Amino acid sequence: MPEQATAESVERRVVLDLDRCIECKSCMASCYYGHGRMAGVQFV
């Protein structure tokens, strides 16, 4: 077993102000890898 990870992890965050949310779903689009399979957003 390797003692440490071989690939570096990339950390990205999307910060949301829920008081200003208008449910445009752009936060889901900006976080494609985390939410790419959600039914609300389709990627062409």
Protein backbone atom coordinates (compact mmCIF):
# COMPACT_ATOMS: atom_id res chain seq x y z
CA MET A 1 0.00 0.00 0.00
CA PRO A 2 1.31 3.47 -0.80
CA GLU A 3 2.07 5.67 2.15
CA GLN A 4 0.72 8.81 0.51
CA ALA A 5 -1.65 9.66 -2.30
CA THR A 6 -0.15 9.64 -5.78
CA ALA A 7 -2.48 12.26 -7.27
CA GLU A 8 -2.82 15.76 -5.91
CA SER A 9 -6.32 16.71 -4.89
CA VAL A 10 -7.81 19.90 -6.26
CA GLU A 11 -9.96 21.83 -3.85
CA ARG A 12 -12.53 24.20 -5.29
CA ARG A 13 -15.41 25.83 -3.53
CA VAL A 14 -18.55 27.58 -4.66
CA VAL A 15 -19.70 30.15 -2.11
CA LEU A 16 -23.43 30.80 -2.01
CA ASP A 17 -25.40 33.61 -0.41
CA LEU A 18 -28.69 31.82 0.16
CA ASP A 19 -30.45 35.06 1.08
CA ARG A 20 -29.93 36.28 -2.51
CA CYS A 21 -30.67 32.97 -4.25
CA ILE A 22 -33.16 33.21 -7.14
CA GLU A 23 -32.89 29.50 -8.03
CA CYS A 24 -31.12 30.12 -11.35
CA LYS A 25 -29.02 26.94 -10.86
CA SER A 26 -25.78 28.64 -11.94
CA CYS A 27 -24.18 27.26 -8.77
CA MET A 28 -24.89 23.73 -10.03
CA ALA A 29 -23.38 24.63 -13.41
CA SER A 30 -20.23 26.04 -11.83
CA CYS A 31 -19.76 22.86 -9.82
CA TYR A 32 -19.99 20.44 -12.76
CA TYR A 33 -17.97 17.58 -11.27
CA GLY A 34 -19.89 17.57 -8.03
CA HIS A 35 -23.36 18.01 -9.47
CA GLY A 36 -23.00 17.08 -13.15
CA ARG A 37 -25.57 14.29 -12.93
CA MET A 38 -28.29 16.34 -11.28
CA ALA A 39 -31.50 16.50 -13.26
CA GLY A 40 -31.82 20.28 -12.93
CA VAL A 41 -28.87 21.15 -15.19
CA GLN A 42 -27.99 19.73 -18.60
CA PHE A 43 -24.53 20.16 -20.09
CA VAL A 44 -24.27 20.19 -23.87
